[in-house]
Amino acid sequence: METTIGNMIAGIMIITNKKINLGDFVQFMGNLKMMGTIEEINVRYTVIRTFDKKRTIIPNSILAKTPIKTHKIEPLIRGEILFTVPRYVHIPQIKKILIETINAHEKVFYKEYTNVRIENFDER
């Protein structure tokens, strides 16, 4: 009963303070370490839809204690992917393939901003 009441109080706080709203893209910091879109907010829990289309239900008592970064007012969201390729590959070709792959995704709206940057090379 204590958990249910705690979730309900936290849910009322989340709903009334309007810091997150339906449709907001959010990043949870702390222990949750999750990104997704707010799909539902009710008194007991909040539903997040992650990038891999999974529906995650988070109790409001946990959500109320978690720092949240919202991306609702930012016109562009920057993503970073770190990976390693062998030294002998043709870098311009790799960059071209990566840009084409990223821009093929339906959620990339400003394809002209897609960029690939080489930061360093392997020591070997």
N, C-alpha and C. Protein backbone atom coordinates (compact mmCIF):
# COMPACT_ATOMS: atom_id res chain seq x y z
N MET A 1 0.83 -1.20 0.00
CA MET A 1 0.00 0.00 0.00
C MET A 1 0.87 1.25 0.00
N GLU A 2 1.99 1.19 0.74
CA GLU A 2 2.89 2.33 0.83
C GLU A 2 3.45 2.71 -0.54
N THR A 3 3.81 1.71 -1.35
CA THR A 3 4.36 1.95 -2.69
C THR A 3 3.31 2.58 -3.60
N THR A 4 2.09 2.08 -3.53
CA THR A 4 1.01 2.62 -4.36
C THR A 4 0.74 4.08 -4.02
N ILE A 5 0.68 4.40 -2.75
CA ILE A 5 0.42 5.78 -2.33
C ILE A 5 1.58 6.68 -2.73
N GLY A 6 2.82 6.18 -2.58
CA GLY A 6 4.00 6.95 -3.01
C GLY A 6 3.97 7.24 -4.50
N ASN A 7 3.59 6.24 -5.31
CA ASN A 7 3.48 6.44 -6.76
C ASN A 7 2.40 7.45 -7.11
N MET A 8 1.29 7.40 -6.38
CA MET A 8 0.18 8.33 -6.65
C MET A 8 0.57 9.77 -6.31
N ILE A 9 1.22 9.96 -5.19
CA ILE A 9 1.66 11.32 -4.82
C ILE A 9 2.67 11.84 -5.84
N ALA A 10 3.63 10.99 -6.21
CA ALA A 10 4.63 11.39 -7.21
C ALA A 10 3.95 11.67 -8.55
N GLY A 11 2.95 10.87 -8.91
CA GLY A 11 2.22 11.08 -10.16
C GLY A 11 1.50 12.42 -10.20
N ILE A 12 0.89 12.79 -9.09
CA ILE A 12 0.21 14.09 -9.01
C ILE A 12 1.23 15.22 -9.17
N MET A 13 2.40 15.06 -8.54
CA MET A 13 3.45 16.08 -8.69
C MET A 13 3.92 16.18 -10.14
N ILE A 14 4.13 15.05 -10.81
CA ILE A 14 4.59 15.05 -12.20
C ILE A 14 3.55 15.68 -13.12
N ILE A 15 2.30 15.32 -12.92
CA ILE A 15 1.22 15.84 -13.78
C ILE A 15 1.03 17.34 -13.58
N THR A 16 1.10 17.81 -12.35
CA THR A 16 0.81 19.22 -12.08
C THR A 16 1.98 20.16 -12.35
N ASN A 17 3.23 19.70 -12.24
CA ASN A 17 4.34 20.64 -12.46
C ASN A 17 4.66 20.84 -13.94
N LYS A 18 4.18 19.97 -14.82
CA LYS A 18 4.28 20.14 -16.28
C LYS A 18 5.72 20.26 -16.79
N LYS A 19 6.68 19.68 -16.08
CA LYS A 19 8.06 19.71 -16.57
C LYS A 19 8.26 18.72 -17.71
N ILE A 20 7.47 17.66 -17.72
CA ILE A 20 7.45 16.75 -18.87
C ILE A 20 6.01 16.61 -19.33
N ASN A 21 5.85 16.47 -20.63
CA ASN A 21 4.52 16.35 -21.22
C ASN A 21 4.50 15.19 -22.21
N LEU A 22 3.32 14.78 -22.59
CA LEU A 22 3.18 13.74 -23.61
C LEU A 22 3.91 14.17 -24.88
N GLY A 23 4.63 13.25 -25.48
CA GLY A 23 5.33 13.54 -26.72
C GLY A 23 6.73 14.10 -26.54
N ASP A 24 7.11 14.48 -25.32
CA ASP A 24 8.45 15.00 -25.09
C ASP A 24 9.48 13.89 -25.26
N PHE A 25 10.59 14.25 -25.88
CA PHE A 25 11.73 13.34 -25.97
C PHE A 25 12.61 13.62 -24.76
N VAL A 26 12.86 12.62 -23.95
CA VAL A 26 13.59 12.83 -22.69
C VAL A 26 14.75 11.85 -22.55
N GLN A 27 15.71 12.28 -21.75
CA GLN A 27 16.84 11.43 -21.39
C GLN A 27 16.88 11.34 -19.87
N PHE A 28 16.80 10.13 -19.35
CA PHE A 28 16.85 9.93 -17.91
C PHE A 28 18.30 9.78 -17.48
N MET A 29 18.67 10.51 -16.48
CA MET A 29 20.03 10.44 -15.96
C MET A 29 20.02 9.50 -14.75
N GLY A 30 21.08 9.43 -14.01
CA GLY A 30 21.12 8.59 -12.82
C GLY A 30 21.08 7.12 -13.15
N ASN A 31 20.35 6.34 -12.37
CA ASN A 31 20.34 4.89 -12.54
C ASN A 31 19.54 4.40 -13.74
N LEU A 32 18.55 5.16 -14.21
CA LEU A 32 17.72 4.69 -15.32
C LEU A 32 18.47 4.64 -16.65
N LYS A 33 19.25 5.65 -16.96
CA LYS A 33 20.04 5.72 -18.20
C LYS A 33 19.23 5.23 -19.40
N MET A 34 18.19 5.96 -19.73
CA MET A 34 17.29 5.59 -20.81
C MET A 34 16.89 6.84 -21.57
N MET A 35 16.63 6.68 -22.87
CA MET A 35 16.11 7.78 -23.68
C MET A 35 14.85 7.31 -24.36
N GLY A 36 13.90 8.24 -24.53
CA GLY A 36 12.69 7.86 -25.23
C GLY A 36 11.66 8.98 -25.22
N THR A 37 10.50 8.67 -25.73
CA THR A 37 9.41 9.63 -25.84
C THR A 37 8.35 9.29 -24.79
N ILE A 38 7.86 10.35 -24.11
CA ILE A 38 6.81 10.17 -23.12
C ILE A 38 5.53 9.81 -23.87
N GLU A 39 5.01 8.63 -23.60
CA GLU A 39 3.83 8.15 -24.30
C GLU A 39 2.56 8.25 -23.44
N GLU A 40 2.72 8.12 -22.13
CA GLU A 40 1.57 8.18 -21.23
C GLU A 40 2.03 8.61 -19.85
N ILE A 41 1.25 9.46 -19.22
CA ILE A 41 1.49 9.85 -17.83
C ILE A 41 0.17 9.68 -17.09
N ASN A 42 0.18 8.85 -16.07
CA ASN A 42 -1.03 8.74 -15.23
C ASN A 42 -0.61 8.83 -13.77
N VAL A 43 -1.51 8.62 -12.87
CA VAL A 43 -1.24 8.84 -11.45
C VAL A 43 -0.22 7.83 -10.90
N ARG A 44 -0.20 6.60 -11.40
CA ARG A 44 0.68 5.58 -10.82
C ARG A 44 2.00 5.38 -11.57
N TYR A 45 2.01 5.57 -12.88
CA TYR A 45 3.22 5.31 -13.65
C TYR A 45 3.28 6.18 -14.91
N THR A 46 4.46 6.19 -15.54
CA THR A 46 4.68 6.90 -16.79
C THR A 46 5.23 5.90 -17.80
N VAL A 47 4.75 5.99 -19.04
CA VAL A 47 5.17 5.07 -20.09
C VAL A 47 6.11 5.80 -21.06
N ILE A 48 7.26 5.17 -21.31
CA ILE A 48 8.26 5.70 -22.22
C ILE A 48 8.39 4.75 -23.40
N ARG A 49 8.46 5.30 -24.61
CA ARG A 49 8.71 4.50 -25.82
C ARG A 49 10.16 4.75 -26.21
N THR A 50 10.99 3.72 -26.15
CA THR A 50 12.42 3.86 -26.42
C THR A 50 12.69 3.79 -27.92
N PHE A 51 13.95 4.02 -28.30
CA PHE A 51 14.34 4.00 -29.72
C PHE A 51 14.05 2.67 -30.38
N ASP A 52 14.22 1.59 -29.64
CA ASP A 52 13.99 0.27 -30.22
C ASP A 52 12.51 -0.14 -30.13
N LYS A 53 11.65 0.87 -29.94
CA LYS A 53 10.19 0.70 -29.95
C LYS A 53 9.65 -0.09 -28.76
N LYS A 54 10.47 -0.24 -27.72
CA LYS A 54 9.99 -0.94 -26.53
C LYS A 54 9.21 0.03 -25.65
N ARG A 55 8.16 -0.48 -25.05
CA ARG A 55 7.30 0.30 -24.16
C ARG A 55 7.75 0.01 -22.73
N THR A 56 8.27 1.02 -22.04
CA THR A 56 8.79 0.84 -20.69
C THR A 56 7.90 1.60 -19.72
N ILE A 57 7.45 0.90 -18.68
CA ILE A 57 6.59 1.50 -17.65
C ILE A 57 7.46 1.79 -16.44
N ILE A 58 7.48 3.07 -16.04
CA ILE A 58 8.29 3.50 -14.90
C ILE A 58 7.37 3.99 -13.79
N PRO A 59 7.47 3.41 -12.60
CA PRO A 59 6.66 3.90 -11.48
C PRO A 59 7.00 5.37 -11.20
N ASN A 60 5.99 6.16 -10.91
CA ASN A 60 6.20 7.59 -10.70
C ASN A 60 7.09 7.91 -9.51
N SER A 61 7.11 7.04 -8.50
CA SER A 61 7.98 7.30 -7.35
C SER A 61 9.45 7.24 -7.76
N ILE A 62 9.79 6.38 -8.72
CA ILE A 62 11.17 6.32 -9.24
C ILE A 62 11.43 7.50 -10.16
N LEU A 63 10.46 7.80 -11.01
CA LEU A 63 10.60 8.91 -11.96
C LEU A 63 10.79 10.25 -11.25
N ALA A 64 10.09 10.44 -10.14
CA ALA A 64 10.19 11.71 -9.41
C ALA A 64 11.57 11.92 -8.80
N LYS A 65 12.31 10.84 -8.55
CA LYS A 65 13.64 10.95 -7.96
C LYS A 65 14.75 11.00 -9.01
N THR A 66 14.40 10.83 -10.28
CA THR A 66 15.39 10.72 -11.35
C THR A 66 15.56 12.05 -12.07
N PRO A 67 16.80 12.52 -12.22
CA PRO A 67 17.02 13.73 -13.03
C PRO A 67 16.67 13.44 -14.50
N ILE A 68 15.98 14.37 -15.13
CA ILE A 68 15.52 14.19 -16.51
C ILE A 68 15.99 15.37 -17.35
N LYS A 69 16.55 15.07 -18.50
CA LYS A 69 16.92 16.10 -19.47
C LYS A 69 15.91 16.03 -20.61
N THR A 70 15.18 17.11 -20.83
CA THR A 70 14.19 17.12 -21.92
C THR A 70 14.80 17.78 -23.14
N HIS A 71 14.41 17.28 -24.30
CA HIS A 71 14.89 17.80 -25.56
C HIS A 71 13.74 18.41 -26.36
N LYS A 72 12.68 18.79 -25.67
CA LYS A 72 11.49 19.23 -26.37
C LYS A 72 11.64 20.58 -27.06
N ILE A 73 12.52 21.45 -26.57
CA ILE A 73 12.64 22.77 -27.18
C ILE A 73 13.86 22.89 -28.09
N GLU A 74 14.67 21.84 -28.15
CA GLU A 74 15.85 21.89 -29.00
C GLU A 74 15.46 21.50 -30.42
N PRO A 75 15.82 22.33 -31.42
CA PRO A 75 15.42 22.01 -32.79
C PRO A 75 16.16 20.80 -33.37
N LEU A 76 17.36 20.52 -32.87
CA LEU A 76 18.13 19.40 -33.36
C LEU A 76 18.65 18.60 -32.18
N ILE A 77 18.69 17.31 -32.35
CA ILE A 77 19.26 16.45 -31.32
C ILE A 77 20.52 15.83 -31.91
N ARG A 78 21.59 15.96 -31.17
CA ARG A 78 22.87 15.45 -31.64
C ARG A 78 23.09 14.07 -31.06
N GLY A 79 23.50 13.16 -31.90
CA GLY A 79 23.83 11.82 -31.44
C GLY A 79 25.28 11.52 -31.73
N GLU A 80 25.86 10.70 -30.92
CA GLU A 80 27.25 10.31 -31.12
C GLU A 80 27.37 8.80 -31.08
N ILE A 81 28.14 8.28 -32.00
CA ILE A 81 28.43 6.86 -32.04
C ILE A 81 29.94 6.72 -32.17
N LEU A 82 30.52 5.95 -31.29
CA LEU A 82 31.95 5.74 -31.31
C LEU A 82 32.23 4.33 -31.78
N PHE A 83 33.06 4.19 -32.80
CA PHE A 83 33.43 2.86 -33.26
C PHE A 83 34.84 2.91 -33.84
N THR A 84 35.40 1.75 -34.04
CA THR A 84 36.76 1.64 -34.53
C THR A 84 36.76 0.91 -35.86
N VAL A 85 37.56 1.41 -36.79
CA VAL A 85 37.76 0.74 -38.07
C VAL A 85 39.25 0.50 -38.24
N PRO A 86 39.63 -0.47 -39.03
CA PRO A 86 41.06 -0.72 -39.25
C PRO A 86 41.72 0.49 -39.93
N ARG A 87 42.99 0.67 -39.68
CA ARG A 87 43.75 1.80 -40.19
C ARG A 87 43.83 1.82 -41.72
N TYR A 88 43.80 0.68 -42.34
CA TYR A 88 44.00 0.59 -43.78
C TYR A 88 42.75 0.88 -44.62
N VAL A 89 41.60 1.14 -44.01
CA VAL A 89 40.39 1.41 -44.78
C VAL A 89 40.44 2.79 -45.41
N HIS A 90 39.64 2.98 -46.42
CA HIS A 90 39.55 4.26 -47.12
C HIS A 90 38.57 5.16 -46.35
N ILE A 91 39.09 6.11 -45.60
CA ILE A 91 38.28 6.94 -44.68
C ILE A 91 37.15 7.68 -45.41
N PRO A 92 37.39 8.35 -46.55
CA PRO A 92 36.27 9.03 -47.22
C PRO A 92 35.12 8.09 -47.58
N GLN A 93 35.44 6.87 -47.96
CA GLN A 93 34.40 5.90 -48.30
C GLN A 93 33.61 5.50 -47.04
N ILE A 94 34.30 5.29 -45.93
CA ILE A 94 33.63 4.96 -44.67
C ILE A 94 32.70 6.10 -44.26
N LYS A 95 33.18 7.34 -44.35
CA LYS A 95 32.35 8.50 -43.98
C LYS A 95 31.11 8.56 -44.86
N LYS A 96 31.28 8.33 -46.15
CA LYS A 96 30.14 8.37 -47.08
C LYS A 96 29.11 7.30 -46.72
N ILE A 97 29.56 6.08 -46.44
CA ILE A 97 28.66 4.98 -46.09
C ILE A 97 27.91 5.30 -44.79
N LEU A 98 28.62 5.85 -43.81
CA LEU A 98 27.97 6.19 -42.54
C LEU A 98 26.92 7.27 -42.71
N ILE A 99 27.23 8.32 -43.46
CA ILE A 99 26.26 9.40 -43.68
C ILE A 99 25.03 8.88 -44.41
N GLU A 100 25.23 8.05 -45.43
CA GLU A 100 24.09 7.48 -46.16
C GLU A 100 23.23 6.60 -45.25
N THR A 101 23.87 5.83 -44.39
CA THR A 101 23.15 4.94 -43.47
C THR A 101 22.33 5.74 -42.47
N ILE A 102 22.94 6.77 -41.90
CA ILE A 102 22.23 7.61 -40.93
C ILE A 102 21.06 8.32 -41.60
N ASN A 103 21.28 8.90 -42.77
CA ASN A 103 20.24 9.66 -43.46
C ASN A 103 19.10 8.79 -43.98
N ALA A 104 19.31 7.49 -44.06
CA ALA A 104 18.25 6.58 -44.50
C ALA A 104 17.18 6.40 -43.43
N HIS A 105 17.47 6.78 -42.20
CA HIS A 105 16.50 6.62 -41.12
C HIS A 105 15.41 7.68 -41.23
N GLU A 106 14.17 7.27 -41.02
CA GLU A 106 13.02 8.16 -41.19
C GLU A 106 12.98 9.33 -40.21
N LYS A 107 13.65 9.22 -39.08
CA LYS A 107 13.61 10.28 -38.07
C LYS A 107 14.66 11.37 -38.28
N VAL A 108 15.53 11.21 -39.27
CA VAL A 108 16.53 12.23 -39.57
C VAL A 108 15.87 13.24 -40.52
N PHE A 109 15.54 14.41 -39.99
CA PHE A 109 14.82 15.41 -40.77
C PHE A 109 15.75 16.36 -41.52
N TYR A 110 16.86 16.74 -40.92
CA TYR A 110 17.78 17.70 -41.53
C TYR A 110 19.03 16.96 -41.98
N LYS A 111 18.90 16.26 -43.08
CA LYS A 111 19.98 15.40 -43.57
C LYS A 111 21.24 16.18 -43.92
N GLU A 112 21.09 17.45 -44.24
CA GLU A 112 22.25 18.27 -44.59
C GLU A 112 23.17 18.52 -43.38
N TYR A 113 22.68 18.29 -42.18
CA TYR A 113 23.49 18.49 -40.98
C TYR A 113 24.24 17.22 -40.54
N THR A 114 23.94 16.10 -41.17
CA THR A 114 24.60 14.86 -40.79
C THR A 114 26.09 14.97 -41.11
N ASN A 115 26.90 14.63 -40.12
CA ASN A 115 28.34 14.75 -40.29
C ASN A 115 29.02 13.59 -39.57
N VAL A 116 30.17 13.20 -40.09
CA VAL A 116 31.00 12.18 -39.47
C VAL A 116 32.36 12.81 -39.24
N ARG A 117 32.84 12.66 -38.02
CA ARG A 117 34.12 13.27 -37.67
C ARG A 117 35.09 12.19 -37.18
N ILE A 118 36.31 12.26 -37.67
CA ILE A 118 37.36 11.35 -37.22
C ILE A 118 38.12 12.05 -36.11
N GLU A 119 38.17 11.44 -34.93
CA GLU A 119 38.85 12.07 -33.80
C GLU A 119 40.26 11.57 -33.59
N ASN A 120 40.49 10.29 -33.77
CA ASN A 120 41.85 9.77 -33.60
C ASN A 120 41.97 8.42 -34.28
N PHE A 121 43.19 7.95 -34.35
CA PHE A 121 43.47 6.68 -34.98
C PHE A 121 44.05 5.71 -33.98
N ASP A 122 43.88 4.46 -34.27
CA ASP A 122 44.44 3.40 -33.45
C ASP A 122 45.96 3.47 -33.48
N GLU A 123 46.60 3.08 -32.41
CA GLU A 123 48.06 3.13 -32.30
C GLU A 123 48.73 2.04 -33.15
N ARG A 124 48.02 0.99 -33.47
CA ARG A 124 48.62 -0.13 -34.19
C ARG A 124 48.64 0.07 -35.66
